Amino acid sequence: MGLAPMLPKEFTIVSVRAPQALGPGFTWFPLMQDLDYSFNEVKSAITDLWSWLEPISKQHSSVSLLGFSMGMAVATSLLRYQPEAIKTVVGLSGFAVPEEGTGFFNDEKLRQLRKPLFWGRDQEDPVITAEKVEYTHGWATTDVHLTKVLYSNMLHSVNAQEMAHVHEFLSAVVLKTEAEQEV
């Protein structure tokens, strides 16, 4: 994972590849604009990922998730599914998935916990639609403790300035709070 050197050195980092082939890469579930998209596919991906992550999480002091693009959709979905198990989420040039009224996400509990979320993006991102941005912003401003940073000339990518902000955010939210709990 090319971003690993830009994250706090104290972290144990695991990069999970999405399971479904899509073009030259991989995806967690069909894209929302695709005909074969369904919220059931999202639920299946999240429960599969959690069944893998949950036993590993017991070996660490906390779990923080970082996701780029659809990876942010997966990270925020996992946070919404297991809000007590996830310390924080970093979302880069991505979005959150609408619930669709199934009760799969535990947004009420998440609202009570006010978990921190870093959301970095470029307003000119040509990939993440205005509808997805609007939904994500509405959800994030009510359900989590949002740190939103806008970048220019980044489009649908990540840059060094953003990763410096991510490093600062994770150091403050995870490392500092864990050090304070030990005292």
C-alpha atoms as a PDB file:
ATOM      1  CA  MET A   1       0.000   0.000   0.000  1.00  0.00           C
ATOM      2  CA  GLY A   2       1.688   3.136  -1.236  1.00  0.00           C
ATOM      3  CA  LEU A   3       0.137   5.362   1.455  1.00  0.00           C
ATOM      4  CA  ALA A   4       1.520   3.314   4.370  1.00  0.00           C
ATOM      5  CA  PRO A   5       4.737   5.369   4.786  1.00  0.00           C
ATOM      6  CA  MET A   6       2.583   8.506   5.215  1.00  0.00           C
ATOM      7  CA  LEU A   7       0.617   7.049   8.142  1.00  0.00           C
ATOM      8  CA  PRO A   8       1.739   7.050  11.795  1.00  0.00           C
ATOM      9  CA  LYS A   9       4.516   4.503  12.281  1.00  0.00           C
ATOM     10  CA  GLU A  10       2.819   3.179  15.425  1.00  0.00           C
ATOM     11  CA  PHE A  11      -0.020   1.697  13.376  1.00  0.00           C
ATOM     12  CA  THR A  12      -0.289  -1.889  12.213  1.00  0.00           C
ATOM     13  CA  ILE A  13      -1.508  -1.581   8.626  1.00  0.00           C
ATOM     14  CA  VAL A  14      -3.495  -4.101   6.650  1.00  0.00           C
ATOM     15  CA  SER A  15      -4.651  -3.474   3.105  1.00  0.00           C
ATOM     16  CA  VAL A  16      -7.603  -5.566   1.969  1.00  0.00           C
ATOM     17  CA  ARG A  17      -8.254  -6.034  -1.744  1.00  0.00           C
ATOM     18  CA  ALA A  18     -11.866  -5.930  -2.863  1.00  0.00           C
ATOM     19  CA  PRO A  19     -13.092  -9.385  -3.917  1.00  0.00           C
ATOM     20  CA  GLN A  20     -14.918  -8.711  -7.209  1.00  0.00           C
ATOM     21  CA  ALA A  21     -13.077  -8.086 -10.485  1.00  0.00           C
ATOM     22  CA  LEU A  22     -14.047  -4.850 -12.235  1.00  0.00           C
ATOM     23  CA  GLY A  23     -12.175  -3.833 -15.369  1.00  0.00           C
ATOM     24  CA  PRO A  24      -8.458  -3.704 -14.558  1.00  0.00           C
ATOM     25  CA  GLY A  25      -9.148  -3.539 -10.797  1.00  0.00           C
ATOM     26  CA  PHE A  26     -11.498  -4.796  -8.114  1.00  0.00           C
ATOM     27  CA  THR A  27     -14.662  -3.663  -6.346  1.00  0.00           C
ATOM     28  CA  TRP A  28     -16.522  -4.523  -3.158  1.00  0.00           C
ATOM     29  CA  PHE A  29     -19.962  -4.410  -4.764  1.00  0.00           C
ATOM     30  CA  PRO A  30     -21.466  -3.217  -8.045  1.00  0.00           C
ATOM     31  CA  LEU A  31     -21.302   0.542  -8.537  1.00  0.00           C
ATOM     32  CA  MET A  32     -24.456   2.359  -7.461  1.00  0.00           C
ATOM     33  CA  GLN A  33     -25.241   3.443 -11.000  1.00  0.00           C
ATOM     34  CA  ASP A  34     -24.948  -0.131 -12.352  1.00  0.00           C
ATOM     35  CA  LEU A  35     -28.080  -2.166 -13.056  1.00  0.00           C
ATOM     36  CA  ASP A  36     -26.890  -5.033 -10.842  1.00  0.00           C
ATOM     37  CA  TYR A  37     -26.361  -2.772  -7.790  1.00  0.00           C
ATOM     38  CA  SER A  38     -28.427  -3.610  -4.728  1.00  0.00           C
ATOM     39  CA  PHE A  39     -28.085  -2.782  -1.070  1.00  0.00           C
ATOM     40  CA  ASN A  40     -27.993  -6.538  -0.443  1.00  0.00           C
ATOM     41  CA  GLU A  41     -24.626  -6.587  -2.241  1.00  0.00           C
ATOM     42  CA  VAL A  42     -23.385  -3.868   0.133  1.00  0.00           C
ATOM     43  CA  LYS A  43     -24.604  -5.844   3.157  1.00  0.00           C
ATOM     44  CA  SER A  44     -22.927  -8.996   1.901  1.00  0.00           C
ATOM     45  CA  ALA A  45     -19.593  -7.227   1.339  1.00  0.00           C
ATOM     46  CA  ILE A  46     -19.700  -5.571   4.769  1.00  0.00           C
ATOM     47  CA  THR A  47     -20.629  -8.726   6.674  1.00  0.00           C
ATOM     48  CA  ASP A  48     -17.911 -10.680   4.829  1.00  0.00           C
ATOM     49  CA  LEU A  49     -15.325  -8.011   5.609  1.00  0.00           C
ATOM     50  CA  TRP A  50     -16.403  -7.845   9.258  1.00  0.00           C
ATOM     51  CA  SER A  51     -16.198 -11.642   9.633  1.00  0.00           C
ATOM     52  CA  TRP A  52     -12.570 -11.366   8.502  1.00  0.00           C
ATOM     53  CA  LEU A  53     -11.702  -8.211  10.507  1.00  0.00           C
ATOM     54  CA  GLU A  54     -13.472  -8.934  13.788  1.00  0.00           C
ATOM     55  CA  PRO A  55     -11.108 -11.669  15.063  1.00  0.00           C
ATOM     56  CA  ILE A  56      -8.065  -9.634  13.990  1.00  0.00           C
ATOM     57  CA  SER A  57      -9.405  -6.551  15.766  1.00  0.00           C
ATOM     58  CA  LYS A  58      -9.189  -8.339  19.120  1.00  0.00           C
ATOM     59  CA  GLN A  59      -5.394  -8.406  18.756  1.00  0.00           C
ATOM     60  CA  HIS A  60      -5.112  -4.585  18.650  1.00  0.00           C
ATOM     61  CA  SER A  61      -5.964  -1.645  20.881  1.00  0.00           C
ATOM     62  CA  SER A  62      -8.290  -0.129  18.262  1.00  0.00           C
ATOM     63  CA  VAL A  63      -9.346  -0.325  14.630  1.00  0.00           C
ATOM     64  CA  SER A  64      -9.288   2.671  12.297  1.00  0.00           C
ATOM     65  CA  LEU A  65     -10.297   2.425   8.663  1.00  0.00           C
ATOM     66  CA  LEU A  66      -8.992   4.333   5.660  1.00  0.00           C
ATOM     67  CA  GLY A  67     -10.710   4.148   2.309  1.00  0.00           C
ATOM     68  CA  PHE A  68     -10.269   5.853  -1.038  1.00  0.00           C
ATOM     69  CA  SER A  69     -13.276   6.267  -3.365  1.00  0.00           C
ATOM     70  CA  MET A  70     -15.398   3.128  -2.981  1.00  0.00           C
ATOM     71  CA  GLY A  71     -13.060   2.216  -0.135  1.00  0.00           C
ATOM     72  CA  MET A  72     -14.576   5.146   1.765  1.00  0.00           C
ATOM     73  CA  ALA A  73     -18.037   3.715   1.048  1.00  0.00           C
ATOM     74  CA  VAL A  74     -16.895   0.405   2.532  1.00  0.00           C
ATOM     75  CA  ALA A  75     -15.148   2.031   5.521  1.00  0.00           C
ATOM     76  CA  THR A  76     -18.140   4.228   6.418  1.00  0.00           C
ATOM     77  CA  SER A  77     -20.497   1.267   5.912  1.00  0.00           C
ATOM     78  CA  LEU A  78     -18.438  -0.871   8.272  1.00  0.00           C
ATOM     79  CA  LEU A  79     -18.430   1.985  10.814  1.00  0.00           C
ATOM     80  CA  ARG A  80     -22.214   2.234  10.522  1.00  0.00           C
ATOM     81  CA  TYR A  81     -22.583  -1.552  10.845  1.00  0.00           C
ATOM     82  CA  GLN A  82     -20.242  -1.915  13.858  1.00  0.00           C
ATOM     83  CA  PRO A  83     -19.980   1.578  15.392  1.00  0.00           C
ATOM     84  CA  GLU A  84     -18.664   0.389  18.744  1.00  0.00           C
ATOM     85  CA  ALA A  85     -15.857  -1.637  17.145  1.00  0.00           C
ATOM     86  CA  ILE A  86     -14.345   1.093  14.956  1.00  0.00           C
ATOM     87  CA  LYS A  87     -12.323   3.978  16.444  1.00  0.00           C
ATOM     88  CA  THR A  88     -12.356   6.285  13.425  1.00  0.00           C
ATOM     89  CA  VAL A  89     -12.602   6.438   9.631  1.00  0.00           C
ATOM     90  CA  VAL A  90     -10.531   8.345   7.109  1.00  0.00           C
ATOM     91  CA  GLY A  91     -12.367   8.806   3.822  1.00  0.00           C
ATOM     92  CA  LEU A  92     -10.504  10.080   0.780  1.00  0.00           C
ATOM     93  CA  SER A  93     -12.298  11.214  -2.392  1.00  0.00           C
ATOM     94  CA  GLY A  94     -15.238   8.995  -1.581  1.00  0.00           C
ATOM     95  CA  PHE A  95     -18.775   8.758  -0.296  1.00  0.00           C
ATOM     96  CA  ALA A  96     -21.154   6.995   2.100  1.00  0.00           C
ATOM     97  CA  VAL A  97     -23.796   4.529   0.925  1.00  0.00           C
ATOM     98  CA  PRO A  98     -27.488   5.337   1.559  1.00  0.00           C
ATOM     99  CA  GLU A  99     -29.149   2.926   4.016  1.00  0.00           C
ATOM    100  CA  GLU A 100     -32.297   2.123   2.009  1.00  0.00           C
ATOM    101  CA  GLY A 101     -34.296   1.537   5.202  1.00  0.00           C
ATOM    102  CA  THR A 102     -33.215  -2.017   5.929  1.00  0.00           C
ATOM    103  CA  GLY A 103     -31.974  -1.416   9.486  1.00  0.00           C
ATOM    104  CA  PHE A 104     -28.580  -2.898   8.591  1.00  0.00           C
ATOM    105  CA  PHE A 105     -26.687   0.207   9.680  1.00  0.00           C
ATOM    106  CA  ASN A 106     -26.744   1.204  13.340  1.00  0.00           C
ATOM    107  CA  ASP A 107     -26.790   4.956  12.670  1.00  0.00           C
ATOM    108  CA  GLU A 108     -28.679   5.689  15.908  1.00  0.00           C
ATOM    109  CA  LYS A 109     -25.858   4.199  17.973  1.00  0.00           C
ATOM    110  CA  LEU A 110     -23.290   5.942  15.765  1.00  0.00           C
ATOM    111  CA  ARG A 111     -25.016   9.295  16.397  1.00  0.00           C
ATOM    112  CA  GLN A 112     -24.703   8.678  20.154  1.00  0.00           C
ATOM    113  CA  LEU A 113     -21.009   7.762  19.894  1.00  0.00           C
ATOM    114  CA  ARG A 114     -20.088  10.628  17.518  1.00  0.00           C
ATOM    115  CA  LYS A 115     -17.107   8.735  16.088  1.00  0.00           C
ATOM    116  CA  PRO A 116     -14.537  10.915  14.305  1.00  0.00           C
ATOM    117  CA  LEU A 117     -14.496  10.939  10.507  1.00  0.00           C
ATOM    118  CA  PHE A 118     -11.898  12.662   8.329  1.00  0.00           C
ATOM    119  CA  TRP A 119     -13.310  13.367   4.853  1.00  0.00           C
ATOM    120  CA  GLY A 120     -10.892  14.831   2.319  1.00  0.00           C
ATOM    121  CA  ARG A 121     -11.956  15.652  -1.206  1.00  0.00           C
ATOM    122  CA  ASP A 122     -11.656  18.032  -4.124  1.00  0.00           C
ATOM    123  CA  GLN A 123     -14.843  19.919  -5.011  1.00  0.00           C
ATOM    124  CA  GLU A 124     -13.942  19.341  -8.663  1.00  0.00           C
ATOM    125  CA  ASP A 125     -13.739  15.536  -8.274  1.00  0.00           C
ATOM    126  CA  PRO A 126     -15.110  14.237 -11.606  1.00  0.00           C
ATOM    127  CA  VAL A 127     -15.934  10.748 -10.254  1.00  0.00           C
ATOM    128  CA  ILE A 128     -17.973  11.248  -7.075  1.00  0.00           C
ATOM    129  CA  THR A 129     -21.337  12.686  -8.132  1.00  0.00           C
ATOM    130  CA  ALA A 130     -22.969  15.701  -6.502  1.00  0.00           C
ATOM    131  CA  GLU A 131     -25.768  13.407  -5.292  1.00  0.00           C
ATOM    132  CA  LYS A 132     -23.261  11.175  -3.458  1.00  0.00           C
ATOM    133  CA  VAL A 133     -21.485  14.210  -1.979  1.00  0.00           C
ATOM    134  CA  GLU A 134     -24.794  15.689  -0.805  1.00  0.00           C
ATOM    135  CA  TYR A 135     -25.898  12.433   0.813  1.00  0.00           C
ATOM    136  CA  THR A 136     -22.514  11.902   2.478  1.00  0.00           C
ATOM    137  CA  HIS A 137     -22.404  15.445   3.813  1.00  0.00           C
ATOM    138  CA  GLY A 138     -25.924  15.166   5.249  1.00  0.00           C
ATOM    139  CA  TRP A 139     -25.179  11.830   6.885  1.00  0.00           C
ATOM    140  CA  ALA A 140     -21.772  12.891   8.227  1.00  0.00           C
ATOM    141  CA  THR A 141     -22.916  16.189   9.734  1.00  0.00           C
ATOM    142  CA  THR A 142     -25.582  14.401  11.787  1.00  0.00           C
ATOM    143  CA  ASP A 143     -24.070  11.000  12.603  1.00  0.00           C
ATOM    144  CA  VAL A 144     -20.312  11.462  13.197  1.00  0.00           C
ATOM    145  CA  HIS A 145     -17.825  14.056  14.403  1.00  0.00           C
ATOM    146  CA  LEU A 146     -16.793  15.337  10.976  1.00  0.00           C
ATOM    147  CA  THR A 147     -13.470  16.842   9.964  1.00  0.00           C
ATOM    148  CA  LYS A 148     -13.938  17.837   6.334  1.00  0.00           C
ATOM    149  CA  VAL A 149     -11.067  19.244   4.309  1.00  0.00           C
ATOM    150  CA  LEU A 150     -11.358  20.439   0.722  1.00  0.00           C
ATOM    151  CA  TYR A 151      -8.361  20.366  -1.595  1.00  0.00           C
ATOM    152  CA  SER A 152      -7.887  22.001  -4.966  1.00  0.00           C
ATOM    153  CA  ASN A 153      -6.288  20.579  -8.098  1.00  0.00           C
ATOM    154  CA  MET A 154      -6.460  17.042  -6.702  1.00  0.00           C
ATOM    155  CA  LEU A 155      -9.527  15.812  -8.633  1.00  0.00           C
ATOM    156  CA  HIS A 156     -10.147  12.116  -7.814  1.00  0.00           C
ATOM    157  CA  SER A 157      -6.895  11.290  -6.082  1.00  0.00           C
ATOM    158  CA  VAL A 158      -4.829  11.771  -2.934  1.00  0.00           C
ATOM    159  CA  ASN A 159      -1.990  14.241  -2.475  1.00  0.00           C
ATOM    160  CA  ALA A 160       0.849  14.797   0.009  1.00  0.00           C
ATOM    161  CA  GLN A 161      -0.899  17.692   1.754  1.00  0.00           C
ATOM    162  CA  GLU A 162      -3.969  15.558   2.367  1.00  0.00           C
ATOM    163  CA  MET A 163      -1.871  12.680   3.699  1.00  0.00           C
ATOM    164  CA  ALA A 164      -0.084  15.084   6.072  1.00  0.00           C
ATOM    165  CA  HIS A 165      -3.519  16.094   7.371  1.00  0.00           C
ATOM    166  CA  VAL A 166      -4.503  12.413   7.685  1.00  0.00           C
ATOM    167  CA  HIS A 167      -1.331  11.756   9.690  1.00  0.00           C
ATOM    168  CA  GLU A 168      -2.159  14.659  12.033  1.00  0.00           C
ATOM    169  CA  PHE A 169      -5.777  13.523  12.372  1.00  0.00           C
ATOM    170  CA  LEU A 170      -4.891   9.911  13.180  1.00  0.00           C
ATOM    171  CA  SER A 171      -2.168  10.987  15.611  1.00  0.00           C
ATOM    172  CA  ALA A 172      -4.622  13.217  17.480  1.00  0.00           C
ATOM    173  CA  VAL A 173      -7.661  10.957  17.357  1.00  0.00           C
ATOM    174  CA  VAL A 174      -6.058   7.562  17.868  1.00  0.00           C
ATOM    175  CA  LEU A 175      -2.572   7.896  19.342  1.00  0.00           C
ATOM    176  CA  LYS A 176      -3.217  10.864  21.617  1.00  0.00           C
ATOM    177  CA  THR A 177      -6.509   9.514  22.991  1.00  0.00           C
ATOM    178  CA  GLU A 178      -5.012   6.058  23.591  1.00  0.00           C
ATOM    179  CA  ALA A 179      -2.020   7.621  25.381  1.00  0.00           C
ATOM    180  CA  GLU A 180      -4.406   9.686  27.531  1.00  0.00           C
ATOM    181  CA  GLN A 181      -6.394   6.547  28.432  1.00  0.00           C
ATOM    182  CA  GLU A 182      -3.208   4.843  29.649  1.00  0.00           C
ATOM    183  CA  VAL A 183      -2.464   7.644  32.131  1.00  0.00           C
END
